[in-house]
Amino acid sequence: MALGTATAPDELRFDAGRVCLDLLATTHPVERLGSVEVLCAWITGSGLVPSGTPLAHADLTWLRGFRELREDLGQLVRGWLAPGPLPYDLALARVNDAARTPPPAPRAARLQDGTLVRALADAPECAALLAAVARDAVELLTDPVARAALRQCEGDNCPIVYLDTSRGRRRRWCSSEVCGNRERVARHRRRVASRQPGAPAGTRFAPSARSASTPARGAPK
């Protein structure tokens, strides 16, 4: 498996609503997990380990493990959103197998001022961190309420899947600041173009293919 190019840790996103969905988002718009350094930044940023947890023992096997789990999760999550049967038994078996390992054990650590903060009992191993992500996916996909809130972003060419917890379940984009802003800019440009000399009166522009698509499985009609 090619390891790809490095990505700056500050380009990572953590707004999909679940840690397993945040992992899926690391493929867009390019490979985000391009180095062990960035993977460690993702592990910390996603909350799998407390801030400041040493991860110097991470190596390329960690990168491969997280990419492989991400591929299996993508098959299961996007398979659920697509109409038709779910022929992903092998991916399901691998996610279930990953979830069998106990996740990292937390402990309460006392700071000098007496404040208690979350820490880990031992240095986290890759299998334990993969288990935490796999368990999150198992909980998501087996919970009918949470599963029904899965959405794919309506932004053009955006494959990010997120959990819609908005009031009325009307969230359309993975991020209002990213895809939502692009849609607003595109809508403004269409309005401006329709007012240009030579544009037929009453010119209407068709919505994007994503906006006009059939609702995802489990989405409100």
Protein backbone atom coordinates (compact mmCIF):
# COMPACT_ATOMS: atom_id res chain seq x y z
CA MET A 1 0.00 0.00 0.00
CA ALA A 2 1.46 3.37 -1.00
CA LEU A 3 1.89 5.79 1.84
CA GLY A 4 1.24 8.93 -0.19
CA THR A 5 2.35 12.44 0.65
CA ALA A 6 2.46 14.27 3.95
CA THR A 7 -0.34 16.56 5.07
CA ALA A 8 -0.12 19.36 7.60
CA PRO A 9 -1.85 18.41 10.86
CA ASP A 10 -3.78 21.70 10.90
CA GLU A 11 -5.58 20.63 7.71
CA LEU A 12 -7.31 17.77 9.53
CA ARG A 13 -11.05 18.03 10.23
CA PHE A 14 -13.00 16.79 13.23
CA ASP A 15 -16.56 17.88 12.46
CA ALA A 16 -18.30 14.71 11.21
CA GLY A 17 -19.91 13.96 14.57
CA ARG A 18 -18.28 10.59 15.31
CA VAL A 19 -14.66 9.52 15.51
CA CYS A 20 -15.19 6.78 12.90
CA LEU A 21 -16.66 9.35 10.48
CA ASP A 22 -13.80 11.75 11.18
CA LEU A 23 -11.45 8.95 10.10
CA LEU A 24 -13.38 8.56 6.83
CA ALA A 25 -13.02 12.31 6.22
CA THR A 26 -9.22 11.95 6.02
CA THR A 27 -9.49 10.85 2.38
CA HIS A 28 -10.90 14.18 1.12
CA PRO A 29 -10.01 16.07 -0.96
CA VAL A 30 -6.70 14.19 -0.97
CA GLU A 31 -5.06 11.63 1.29
CA ARG A 32 -4.71 13.34 4.67
CA LEU A 33 -2.96 10.56 6.56
CA GLY A 34 0.24 10.90 4.59
CA SER A 35 2.72 10.36 7.42
CA VAL A 36 3.01 8.88 10.90
CA GLU A 37 3.33 12.42 12.26
CA VAL A 38 -0.03 13.44 10.81
CA LEU A 39 -1.64 10.20 11.99
CA CYS A 40 -0.47 10.96 15.54
CA ALA A 41 -1.94 14.47 15.22
CA TRP A 42 -5.23 12.91 14.09
CA ILE A 43 -5.23 10.40 16.97
CA THR A 44 -4.81 13.24 19.47
CA GLY A 45 -7.17 15.66 17.71
CA SER A 46 -9.93 13.05 17.49
CA GLY A 47 -9.83 12.51 21.25
CA LEU A 48 -8.66 8.90 21.08
CA VAL A 49 -5.88 9.88 23.50
CA PRO A 50 -5.58 12.86 25.85
CA SER A 51 -3.56 15.84 24.68
CA GLY A 52 0.11 15.36 25.40
CA THR A 53 0.03 11.55 25.33
CA PRO A 54 3.42 10.32 24.03
CA LEU A 55 3.09 8.55 20.68
CA ALA A 56 6.77 8.33 19.75
CA HIS A 57 6.44 4.54 19.41
CA ALA A 58 4.04 4.89 16.45
CA ASP A 59 5.43 3.64 13.15
CA LEU A 60 4.37 2.83 9.58
CA THR A 61 2.41 -0.23 10.72
CA TRP A 62 0.09 2.18 12.54
CA LEU A 63 -0.44 4.15 9.34
CA ARG A 64 -1.30 0.99 7.41
CA GLY A 65 -3.61 -0.23 10.16
CA PHE A 66 -5.62 2.98 10.29
CA ARG A 67 -5.85 3.19 6.50
CA GLU A 68 -7.07 -0.40 6.27
CA LEU A 69 -9.68 0.15 8.97
CA ARG A 70 -10.75 3.34 7.20
CA GLU A 71 -11.31 1.40 3.98
CA ASP A 72 -13.49 -1.16 5.76
CA LEU A 73 -15.47 1.55 7.55
CA GLY A 74 -16.01 3.36 4.25
CA GLN A 75 -17.52 0.25 2.69
CA LEU A 76 -19.90 -0.22 5.62
CA VAL A 77 -20.98 3.40 6.08
CA ARG A 78 -21.37 4.25 2.41
CA GLY A 79 -22.94 0.85 1.81
CA TRP A 80 -25.63 1.76 4.32
CA LEU A 81 -26.30 5.11 2.59
CA ALA A 82 -26.57 3.48 -0.84
CA PRO A 83 -29.80 1.72 -1.84
CA GLY A 84 -29.80 -2.04 -2.16
CA PRO A 85 -28.24 -4.90 -0.22
CA LEU A 86 -25.08 -4.60 1.86
CA PRO A 87 -22.56 -7.09 0.38
CA TYR A 88 -19.72 -6.15 2.69
CA ASP A 89 -19.40 -9.21 4.89
CA LEU A 90 -15.59 -9.23 4.79
CA ALA A 91 -15.35 -5.57 5.80
CA LEU A 92 -17.87 -6.18 8.58
CA ALA A 93 -15.88 -9.16 9.85
CA ARG A 94 -12.67 -7.11 9.93
CA VAL A 95 -14.31 -4.23 11.82
CA ASN A 96 -15.84 -6.67 14.31
CA ASP A 97 -12.47 -8.34 14.76
CA ALA A 98 -10.76 -4.98 15.37
CA ALA A 99 -13.38 -4.10 17.99
CA ARG A 100 -12.52 -7.21 20.05
CA THR A 101 -9.29 -5.72 21.40
CA PRO A 102 -9.76 -3.73 24.63
CA PRO A 103 -9.42 0.02 23.97
CA PRO A 104 -6.87 2.10 25.93
CA ALA A 105 -7.62 2.13 29.67
CA PRO A 106 -8.18 5.64 31.05
CA ARG A 107 -7.14 6.88 34.45
CA ALA A 108 -7.55 10.11 36.41
CA ALA A 109 -4.27 11.99 36.86
CA ARG A 110 -3.87 14.77 39.42
CA LEU A 111 -2.21 18.03 38.38
CA GLN A 112 -0.14 20.15 40.77
CA ASP A 113 -3.15 22.31 41.57
CA GLY A 114 -5.19 19.23 42.44
CA THR A 115 -7.27 19.22 39.26
CA LEU A 116 -8.05 15.77 37.87
CA VAL A 117 -7.47 15.23 34.16
CA ARG A 118 -7.90 12.23 31.90
CA ALA A 119 -4.78 10.23 31.08
CA LEU A 120 -4.02 6.69 29.95
CA ALA A 121 -2.87 3.93 32.26
CA ASP A 122 -0.25 2.77 29.74
CA ALA A 123 1.26 3.88 26.45
CA PRO A 124 -1.45 3.16 23.84
CA GLU A 125 -0.85 0.40 21.33
CA CYS A 126 -2.09 0.59 17.76
CA ALA A 127 -4.54 -2.33 18.14
CA ALA A 128 -6.16 -0.66 21.16
CA LEU A 129 -6.64 2.62 19.27
CA LEU A 130 -8.04 0.82 16.23
CA ALA A 131 -10.43 -0.96 18.60
CA ALA A 132 -11.72 2.37 19.91
CA VAL A 133 -12.55 3.51 16.36
CA ALA A 134 -14.04 0.14 15.39
CA ARG A 135 -16.25 0.11 18.51
CA ASP A 136 -17.47 3.59 17.69
CA ALA A 137 -18.48 2.36 14.23
CA VAL A 138 -20.22 -0.72 15.64
CA GLU A 139 -22.19 1.45 18.07
CA LEU A 140 -23.13 3.88 15.28
CA LEU A 141 -24.22 1.28 12.74
CA THR A 142 -26.23 -0.78 15.24
CA ASP A 143 -28.10 2.19 16.74
CA PRO A 144 -31.22 2.83 14.61
CA VAL A 145 -31.55 6.46 15.74
CA ALA A 146 -27.92 7.37 15.12
CA ARG A 147 -27.82 5.37 11.89
CA ALA A 148 -30.83 7.26 10.54
CA ALA A 149 -28.94 10.53 11.06
CA LEU A 150 -26.14 9.56 8.67
CA ARG A 151 -25.90 11.94 5.73
CA GLN A 152 -23.55 12.47 2.81
CA CYS A 153 -22.62 16.07 2.13
CA GLU A 154 -24.59 17.73 -0.67
CA GLY A 155 -21.57 19.74 -1.76
CA ASP A 156 -20.35 19.10 -5.29
CA ASN A 157 -17.92 16.17 -5.38
CA CYS A 158 -17.79 15.97 -1.57
CA PRO A 159 -17.90 12.38 -0.26
CA ILE A 160 -17.79 13.25 3.45
CA VAL A 161 -20.38 11.46 5.58
CA TYR A 162 -21.50 13.11 8.80
CA LEU A 163 -24.01 12.66 11.62
CA ASP A 164 -26.87 15.13 11.33
CA THR A 165 -27.85 16.15 14.86
CA SER A 166 -29.30 19.51 13.81
CA ARG A 167 -32.79 20.55 14.82
CA GLY A 168 -35.22 19.09 12.32
CA ARG A 169 -32.43 17.05 10.74
CA ARG A 170 -32.00 19.64 7.97
CA ARG A 171 -28.21 19.91 7.81
CA ARG A 172 -27.07 19.73 4.17
CA TRP A 173 -23.29 20.06 4.28
CA CYS A 174 -20.37 18.48 6.07
CA SER A 175 -19.38 22.02 7.07
CA SER A 176 -21.21 25.30 6.65
CA GLU A 177 -17.85 27.06 6.44
CA VAL A 178 -16.49 24.73 3.73
CA CYS A 179 -19.08 23.18 1.40
CA GLY A 180 -21.89 25.43 2.61
CA ASN A 181 -19.88 28.55 1.80
CA ARG A 182 -18.93 27.16 -1.63
CA GLU A 183 -22.62 26.58 -2.38
CA ARG A 184 -23.53 30.12 -1.32
CA VAL A 185 -20.76 31.58 -3.49
CA ALA A 186 -21.88 29.45 -6.47
CA ARG A 187 -25.50 30.51 -5.93
CA HIS A 188 -24.45 34.18 -5.87
CA ARG A 189 -22.47 33.76 -9.09
CA ARG A 190 -25.47 32.16 -10.78
CA ARG A 191 -27.66 35.09 -9.76
CA VAL A 192 -25.09 37.58 -11.06
CA ALA A 193 -24.69 35.66 -14.33
CA SER A 194 -28.45 35.59 -14.85
CA ARG A 195 -28.51 39.41 -14.75
CA GLN A 196 -25.76 39.84 -17.35
CA PRO A 197 -26.66 41.34 -20.76
CA GLY A 198 -27.65 38.62 -23.16
CA ALA A 199 -28.92 36.24 -20.49
CA PRO A 200 -32.50 35.15 -21.33
CA ALA A 201 -35.12 36.64 -19.06
CA GLY A 202 -36.11 34.32 -16.27
CA THR A 203 -33.02 32.19 -16.74
CA ARG A 204 -33.04 29.41 -14.20
CA PHE A 205 -30.09 27.26 -13.24
CA ALA A 206 -30.51 23.63 -12.39
CA PRO A 207 -29.48 22.52 -8.88
CA SER A 208 -26.40 20.40 -8.44
CA ALA A 209 -26.71 16.69 -9.07
CA ARG A 210 -26.18 16.01 -5.35
CA SER A 211 -29.00 18.37 -4.31
CA ALA A 212 -31.39 16.69 -6.74
CA SER A 213 -30.42 13.17 -5.78
CA THR A 214 -32.61 10.60 -4.10
CA PRO A 215 -32.61 10.94 -0.27
CA ALA A 216 -30.09 8.71 1.48
CA ARG A 217 -31.25 5.55 3.19
CA GLY A 218 -32.84 6.52 6.47
CA ALA A 219 -33.13 10.22 5.54
CA PRO A 220 -36.45 12.08 5.96
CA LYS A 221 -38.57 12.14 2.79
